Protein backbone atom coordinates (compact mmCIF):
# COMPACT_ATOMS: atom_id res chain seq x y z
CA MET A 1 148.16 54.73 81.08
CA SER A 2 146.73 57.52 82.74
CA CYS A 3 147.15 61.45 82.65
CA SER A 4 147.08 63.87 85.51
CA LEU A 5 145.82 67.97 85.61
CA ALA A 6 146.58 70.04 88.14
CA VAL A 7 145.33 73.16 88.76
CA SER A 8 146.15 76.01 91.12
CA SER A 9 143.22 77.18 93.42
CA SER A 10 143.39 80.85 92.29
CA PRO A 11 139.99 81.33 90.49
CA VAL A 12 141.97 83.11 87.65
CA PRO A 13 144.41 80.50 86.23
CA SER A 14 148.59 81.32 86.45
CA PRO A 15 150.91 81.40 83.59
CA SER A 16 152.80 78.66 85.57
CA ILE A 17 150.04 75.78 85.49
CA SER A 18 151.35 73.07 83.61
CA LEU A 19 150.10 69.61 82.31
CA PHE A 20 151.18 66.52 83.81
CA CYS A 21 151.74 62.88 82.61
CA ASN A 22 153.24 60.12 84.20
CA LYS A 23 155.53 59.23 81.06
CA PRO A 24 157.29 62.45 79.13
CA SER A 25 157.01 60.06 76.07
CA ILE A 26 153.02 60.57 75.83
CA ILE A 27 153.13 64.13 74.94
CA SER A 28 154.64 64.02 70.94
CA SER A 29 153.37 64.80 67.97
CA SER A 30 152.25 60.72 67.42
CA PRO A 31 148.95 60.17 66.29
CA GLU A 32 148.22 58.06 69.10
CA ALA A 33 149.53 60.68 71.48
CA LEU A 34 147.13 62.65 73.76
CA ASN A 35 146.57 65.98 72.56
CA LEU A 36 145.36 68.16 75.53
CA SER A 37 144.12 71.93 74.60
CA LEU A 38 142.14 73.99 76.90
CA ALA A 39 141.58 77.30 76.07
CA HIS A 40 142.07 78.62 79.55
CA LEU A 41 145.08 76.89 80.79
CA LYS A 42 148.68 77.29 78.81
CA PRO A 43 151.08 74.24 79.11
CA SER A 44 153.79 75.38 80.33
CA PRO A 45 157.41 74.39 77.62
CA SER A 46 158.44 71.46 79.83
CA PRO A 47 156.52 68.86 82.03
CA SER A 48 157.34 67.81 84.95
CA SER A 49 156.17 65.86 87.99
CA PRO A 50 152.05 67.49 89.98
CA SER A 51 152.75 68.25 92.93
CA PRO A 52 151.24 66.46 95.83
CA SER A 53 149.87 69.82 97.32
CA SER A 54 147.37 70.34 94.84
CA PRO A 55 143.61 71.18 95.56
CA PHE A 56 142.66 69.76 92.01
CA ARG A 57 143.34 66.88 89.95
CA LEU A 58 141.40 65.28 86.87
CA ARG A 59 142.74 62.14 85.83
CA LEU A 60 141.77 60.82 82.56
CA GLN A 61 141.60 57.03 81.72
CA LYS A 62 142.33 54.95 79.13
CA THR A 63 139.52 54.58 76.60
CA PRO A 64 138.62 51.51 75.26
CA SER A 65 140.38 50.59 71.70
CA GLY A 66 136.93 49.49 70.16
CA LEU A 67 135.22 53.56 70.55
CA LEU A 68 135.84 55.59 67.39
CA SER A 69 136.22 59.57 68.10
CA SER A 70 133.62 61.91 65.87
CA SER A 71 134.50 65.32 67.50
CA ALA A 72 138.09 65.06 67.12
CA SER A 73 137.80 68.19 64.81
CA THR A 74 135.68 70.45 67.29
CA ASP A 75 136.53 73.69 68.97
CA SER A 76 139.97 72.96 70.93
CA GLY A 77 139.30 75.49 73.47
CA SER A 78 136.66 73.78 74.79
CA THR A 79 137.12 69.93 73.92
CA VAL A 80 140.03 67.18 74.84
CA GLY A 81 140.41 66.01 71.46
CA LEU A 82 142.48 61.99 71.58
CA GLY A 83 143.45 59.83 68.55
CA PRO A 84 142.27 57.21 66.70
CA GLY A 85 140.11 54.57 68.52
CA SER A 86 139.21 57.06 71.52
CA VAL A 87 136.38 59.41 72.25
CA SER A 88 136.63 62.72 73.03
CA THR A 89 135.85 64.47 76.57
CA ILE A 90 134.38 67.77 77.37
CA LEU A 91 135.72 69.77 80.68
CA LYS A 92 133.29 71.42 82.30
CA ARG A 93 134.30 74.04 85.51
CA LYS A 94 132.68 73.07 88.59
CA ARG A 95 129.77 75.48 88.78
CA PRO A 96 130.29 77.72 91.96
CA THR A 97 128.43 77.41 95.29
CA ARG A 98 124.94 79.89 94.81
CA LEU A 99 125.16 82.84 96.65
CA ASP A 100 121.83 83.04 98.56
CA ILE A 101 121.17 87.36 98.57
CA PRO A 102 118.26 88.69 100.70
CA ALA A 103 116.23 90.73 99.48
CA ALA A 104 116.04 94.45 100.31
CA THR A 105 113.27 95.78 102.54
CA THR A 106 111.19 98.36 101.47
CA ALA A 107 112.46 101.84 102.18
CA LEU A 108 110.19 104.59 103.62
CA ARG A 109 109.55 108.01 102.67
CA PHE A 110 107.07 110.57 104.44
CA GLY A 111 105.61 106.72 105.94
CA VAL A 112 104.67 105.38 102.98
CA PRO A 113 106.18 102.89 100.95
CA THR A 114 108.11 103.98 98.11
CA THR A 115 106.31 101.25 95.65
CA PRO A 116 102.85 100.31 95.37
CA CYS A 117 102.06 98.19 98.82
CA GLU A 118 100.89 95.38 97.50
CA VAL A 119 101.03 93.10 100.69
CA ALA A 120 100.36 95.03 103.63
CA ARG A 121 96.43 95.51 104.43
CA GLU A 122 97.32 97.80 107.50
CA VAL A 123 99.43 100.47 108.13
CA GLU A 124 100.06 102.94 110.95
CA ARG A 125 101.99 106.07 111.99
CA GLU A 126 102.34 108.31 114.68
CA GLY A 127 104.42 111.87 114.97
CA TYR A 128 105.30 114.81 116.07
CA GLY A 129 101.50 115.75 116.50
CA TYR A 130 99.31 113.99 113.83
CA SER A 131 98.50 109.84 113.29
CA VAL A 132 97.70 108.10 110.42
CA TYR A 133 95.61 104.65 109.52
CA CYS A 134 95.76 103.34 106.56
CA LYS A 135 93.40 99.85 105.61
CA LYS A 136 93.46 98.51 101.84
CA GLY A 137 90.33 97.54 100.72
CA ARG A 138 89.31 94.29 98.31
CA ARG A 139 91.65 95.75 95.51
CA ASP A 140 94.69 93.51 94.82
CA ALA A 141 97.06 96.48 96.25
CA MET A 142 96.52 99.57 98.38
CA GLU A 143 96.41 102.31 95.81
CA ASP A 144 95.92 105.43 99.28
CA ARG A 145 99.42 106.65 100.18
CA PHE A 146 99.94 109.88 102.60
CA ALA A 147 102.65 112.70 103.34
CA ALA A 148 103.45 114.23 106.75
CA SER A 149 106.58 116.34 107.34
CA VAL A 150 106.80 118.13 110.57
CA LYS A 151 109.18 120.46 111.83
CA LEU A 152 109.68 121.71 108.80
CA GLN A 153 113.15 124.32 108.52
CA GLY A 154 113.45 123.18 111.62
CA ASP A 155 110.34 125.34 112.61
CA SER A 156 108.28 122.72 114.91
CA LYS A 157 104.94 125.17 113.61
CA GLN A 158 105.56 124.35 110.49
CA ALA A 159 104.73 120.64 108.98
CA PHE A 160 102.94 119.61 105.88
CA PHE A 161 100.27 116.66 105.76
CA GLY A 162 98.68 114.84 102.70
CA VAL A 163 96.47 112.06 101.87
CA PHE A 164 96.44 110.85 98.44
CA ASP A 165 93.15 108.23 96.73
CA GLY A 166 95.13 106.15 94.24
CA HIS A 167 92.95 104.99 90.77
CA GLY A 168 93.87 103.32 88.41
CA GLY A 169 96.92 101.77 90.78
CA ALA A 170 99.11 103.85 93.32
CA LYS A 171 101.76 104.86 90.67
CA ALA A 172 99.82 108.73 90.51
CA SER A 173 99.35 108.45 94.36
CA GLU A 174 103.25 107.40 94.85
CA PHE A 175 104.19 110.13 93.33
CA ALA A 176 102.43 113.05 94.86
CA ALA A 177 102.82 111.58 98.00
CA GLN A 178 106.49 111.80 96.96
CA ASN A 179 106.81 114.99 95.33
CA LEU A 180 103.69 117.56 95.95
CA GLU A 181 104.88 119.16 99.12
CA LYS A 182 108.30 119.94 97.51
CA ASN A 183 106.83 121.39 95.07
CA ILE A 184 104.49 123.60 97.17
CA LEU A 185 107.31 125.35 99.45
CA ASP A 186 109.24 125.80 96.58
CA GLU A 187 106.63 128.05 95.36
CA VAL A 188 105.69 129.29 98.51
CA VAL A 189 109.54 130.79 99.38
CA TRP A 190 109.51 132.15 95.61
CA ARG A 191 107.25 133.90 96.24
CA ARG A 192 107.70 135.38 99.57
CA ASP A 193 104.30 136.60 99.85
CA GLU A 194 101.59 135.54 102.44
CA THR A 195 99.24 136.69 100.38
CA LYS A 196 99.47 135.08 97.29
CA VAL A 197 99.71 131.49 99.48
CA LYS A 198 96.49 130.32 97.59
CA GLU A 199 99.06 131.20 94.35
CA ALA A 200 101.35 128.96 95.63
CA VAL A 201 100.21 126.21 96.06
CA LYS A 202 97.79 126.09 93.29
CA ALA A 203 101.59 125.97 91.12
CA GLY A 204 102.90 123.35 93.29
CA TYR A 205 99.59 121.14 92.34
CA LEU A 206 99.51 122.56 88.77
CA LYS A 207 103.90 121.77 88.78
CA THR A 208 103.52 117.89 90.23
CA ASP A 209 100.64 117.12 88.10
CA ALA A 210 102.83 117.88 85.16
CA GLU A 211 105.85 116.44 85.88
CA PHE A 212 103.36 112.72 86.76
CA LEU A 213 102.49 113.54 83.09
CA LYS A 214 105.72 112.98 81.63
CA GLU A 215 105.87 109.58 82.97
CA ASP A 216 103.53 108.27 80.73
CA VAL A 217 102.06 105.98 82.41
CA THR A 218 98.68 105.78 83.49
CA GLY A 219 95.76 106.40 86.85
CA GLY A 220 95.36 109.24 88.76
CA THR A 221 94.85 110.78 92.19
CA CYS A 222 92.79 112.97 94.49
CA CYS A 223 94.34 114.40 96.84
CA VAL A 224 93.62 116.71 100.32
CA THR A 225 96.51 118.67 101.95
CA ALA A 226 97.30 120.94 104.94
CA LEU A 227 99.96 123.59 105.27
CA ILE A 228 100.34 124.95 108.73
CA GLN A 229 102.75 127.97 108.83
CA ASN A 230 102.98 131.29 110.68
CA GLY A 231 99.78 130.11 112.43
CA ASN A 232 97.95 129.10 109.52
CA LEU A 233 96.13 126.48 108.37
CA ILE A 234 95.86 126.24 104.24
CA VAL A 235 93.67 122.90 103.75
CA SER A 236 93.65 122.37 100.04
CA ASN A 237 91.84 119.19 97.93
CA ALA A 238 91.78 117.89 94.03
CA GLY A 239 89.15 115.09 94.07
CA ASP A 240 87.07 113.38 96.96
CA CYS A 241 89.49 113.22 99.65
CA ARG A 242 88.19 115.63 102.53
CA ALA A 243 89.51 117.92 105.23
CA VAL A 244 87.13 118.36 108.41
CA LEU A 245 88.28 120.74 111.17
CA SER A 246 86.74 119.70 115.12
CA ARG A 247 85.42 123.45 116.40
CA ASN A 248 84.94 122.49 119.98
CA GLY A 249 83.27 119.57 119.14
CA ALA A 250 81.44 120.95 115.85
CA ALA A 251 82.67 119.35 112.41
CA GLU A 252 83.27 121.82 110.08
CA ALA A 253 84.24 120.75 106.24
CA LEU A 254 87.14 122.92 104.86
CA THR A 255 87.16 121.16 101.73
CA SER A 256 83.90 120.45 99.09
CA ASP A 257 84.36 117.19 96.91
CA HIS A 258 85.15 117.14 93.72
CA ARG A 259 82.33 115.03 91.94
CA PRO A 260 80.91 115.75 88.54
CA SER A 261 77.43 115.76 90.18
CA ARG A 262 78.21 119.49 91.39
CA GLU A 263 76.72 121.33 89.30
CA ASP A 264 79.39 123.94 88.83
CA GLU A 265 81.88 120.95 87.95
CA ARG A 266 79.37 119.97 85.98
CA ASN A 267 79.21 122.92 83.59
CA ARG A 268 82.49 123.55 83.60
CA ILE A 269 83.47 119.78 81.80
CA GLU A 270 80.32 120.54 79.48
CA THR A 271 81.67 123.76 78.93
CA SER A 272 84.78 122.37 77.77
CA GLY A 273 83.59 119.86 75.40
CA GLY A 274 83.36 116.99 77.88
CA TYR A 275 80.24 115.33 79.05
CA VAL A 276 79.06 113.83 81.97
CA ASP A 277 76.88 110.77 82.63
CA LEU A 278 74.88 108.54 85.23
CA CYS A 279 76.19 105.42 85.17
CA ARG A 280 74.56 102.61 87.79
CA GLY A 281 73.70 105.46 89.78
CA VAL A 282 77.09 107.59 89.68
CA TRP A 283 77.49 110.70 87.81
CA ARG A 284 80.75 110.06 85.77
CA VAL A 285 82.87 112.10 83.57
CA GLN A 286 83.02 110.86 80.15
CA GLY A 287 81.35 107.79 81.35
CA SER A 288 84.68 107.07 83.12
CA LEU A 289 85.43 108.33 86.38
CA ALA A 290 83.48 109.34 89.62
CA VAL A 291 85.73 112.23 90.13
CA SER A 292 86.25 115.54 88.30
CA ARG A 293 89.44 116.42 89.47
CA GLY A 294 93.17 115.44 90.16
CA ILE A 295 96.51 114.81 89.31
CA GLY A 296 97.40 112.73 87.11
CA ASP A 297 94.62 110.73 84.15
CA LYS A 298 95.99 111.91 81.42
CA HIS A 299 92.92 110.48 79.14
CA LEU A 300 90.34 112.53 80.75
CA LYS A 301 93.05 115.95 81.38
CA GLN A 302 91.04 118.35 79.30
CA TRP A 303 88.16 117.68 81.67
CA VAL A 304 89.74 116.30 84.64
CA ILE A 305 91.81 119.52 85.98
CA ALA A 306 94.33 119.47 88.75
CA GLU A 307 93.73 122.68 90.39
CA PRO A 308 93.09 122.53 93.86
CA GLU A 309 90.66 125.40 95.87
CA THR A 310 92.10 126.01 98.71
CA LYS A 311 91.05 127.60 102.03
CA ILE A 312 93.51 129.23 104.91
CA ILE A 313 91.81 129.87 108.11
CA SER A 314 94.00 131.20 111.30
CA ILE A 315 94.35 128.38 113.80
CA LYS A 316 92.80 129.21 117.00
CA PRO A 317 92.29 127.36 120.89
CA GLU A 318 88.97 126.37 119.69
CA HIS A 319 90.38 124.56 116.89
CA GLU A 320 90.82 121.10 118.33
CA PHE A 321 91.58 118.68 115.25
CA LEU A 322 91.83 118.02 111.72
CA ILE A 323 90.23 114.59 109.86
CA LEU A 324 92.18 114.23 106.24
CA ALA A 325 90.43 111.08 105.04
CA SER A 326 89.76 109.58 101.73
CA ASP A 327 86.71 108.88 100.32
CA GLY A 328 86.79 105.13 101.92
CA LEU A 329 85.83 107.05 104.96
CA TRP A 330 83.05 109.89 103.45
CA ASP A 331 81.00 107.13 101.99
CA LYS A 332 80.14 105.43 105.36
CA VAL A 333 80.46 108.02 108.39
CA SER A 334 79.50 111.48 108.36
CA ASN A 335 81.45 114.77 109.06
CA GLN A 336 80.29 115.55 112.61
CA GLU A 337 79.81 111.53 113.24
CA ALA A 338 83.76 111.06 112.96
CA VAL A 339 84.40 114.32 115.00
CA ASP A 340 82.30 112.74 117.86
CA ILE A 341 84.24 108.82 117.07
CA ALA A 342 87.67 110.75 117.14
CA ARG A 343 87.29 113.81 119.96
CA PRO A 344 87.42 111.13 123.11
CA SER A 345 90.35 110.48 122.34
CA CYS A 346 91.66 113.46 121.44
CA VAL A 347 90.25 116.23 123.76
CA GLY A 348 89.76 116.23 127.75
CA ILE A 349 91.88 113.56 128.54
CA ASN A 350 95.85 113.24 130.00
CA LYS A 351 96.90 110.81 127.30
CA PRO A 352 95.51 111.62 123.94
CA ASN A 353 95.34 108.93 121.97
CA PRO A 354 94.50 109.86 117.94
CA LEU A 355 95.68 106.74 116.93
CA HIS A 356 93.00 104.73 118.34
CA ALA A 357 90.66 106.92 117.02
CA CYS A 358 91.99 107.02 113.58
CA LYS A 359 91.28 103.00 113.75
CA LYS A 360 88.14 103.62 115.35
CA LEU A 361 87.21 105.78 112.27
CA VAL A 362 88.33 102.78 109.45
CA ASN A 363 86.85 100.05 111.17
CA LEU A 364 83.73 101.72 111.50
CA SER A 365 83.48 102.04 108.07
CA VAL A 366 84.50 98.26 107.48
CA SER A 367 81.92 97.44 109.03
CA ARG A 368 79.47 99.61 107.47
CA GLY A 369 80.44 97.59 104.50
CA SER A 370 83.12 99.68 102.54
CA SER A 371 85.40 97.71 100.20
CA ASP A 372 87.41 101.12 99.24
CA ASP A 373 91.37 101.46 100.86
CA ILE A 374 90.74 103.64 103.53
CA SER A 375 92.89 106.49 104.99
CA VAL A 376 92.27 108.30 107.46
CA MET A 377 95.08 110.92 109.59
CA LEU A 378 94.36 112.79 112.47
CA ILE A 379 96.25 116.14 112.90
CA GLN A 380 95.89 117.80 116.41
CA LEU A 381 96.26 121.53 116.05
CA GLY A 382 97.03 122.66 119.88
CA GLN A 383 100.92 122.06 118.91
CA TYR A 384 100.29 124.84 115.86
CA LEU A 385 99.61 127.91 117.41
CA PHE A 386 101.18 130.49 116.78
CA THR A 387 102.14 132.45 119.67
CA SER A 388 104.08 135.95 118.59
């Protein structure tokens, strides 16, 4: 004796699906009859012959009479219970073919990945008036980030640039790279007074810091930013990222590193109830952090403040280029040395190659033993000279 089951090719069972047997008399209430019950199939009132075109047919053969069923009383929605002298059989749907979904590519914003760059060892980018090159150190993941936004409000003479050196992970540096520009520009527009630009930048830094602290994640970041607006270069920093200007080949630091070894920073920390300790030759806040300002660092926020120091200069023809870099460069390369190495690739040649200069500086620091993440951005200031 045999029984056949025809199932539609549709993924959703149709009400017209029927159970078919070769002998109509088999479907009865007799104890020896075949009782077939499927939760997802509803038998039609009257049996009919199987269609030759059915795409799927399940045939149940008669089982040996010597076997007794011990599971006939199980859930009738998922089993086929046979009468005495038979065995229960579980029907399972065929597993669908596995779908291979391609992994999404990492999106970029302001030239940086929106998630920590744990794989790439190097990142390089060129844009209108700037070039940047980043190289991962010995850490498992790159913690440096950068921001570059040109032609602000459609004006080719306005731009924003930033380099962010994260510590304790890349969450803070990534957050700052994505939000600090907007927060600063919002404050600048709201005040509408060029004499209060420093206050606007300060408010933008503090707002970014407050927003990051609400994220309730660990880590922090040092920052150096340059806002170019109306022929002015507005440079700010919090931490030990640095900005160095080339003035006719002479290096001029526009920022001062915020480290607890600075007397004014040490006094501020101690006045606030903290302490500065010398650990293995490095001065650290609360014996922990080697910088005294930055965004984040919630556990040290009482002493590691986000308030930046800002300097404003009017861009003039003798201002050739600006270097923004993390301490991975400045710990091994002096200000003047950096300008001397970069200048031949940027000044006095028909085809300037500032990206090549960035790479030379990074590789020089590595050759001198730097194991830190290194980010170098070079901005050609000649393109931002303001002409009234």
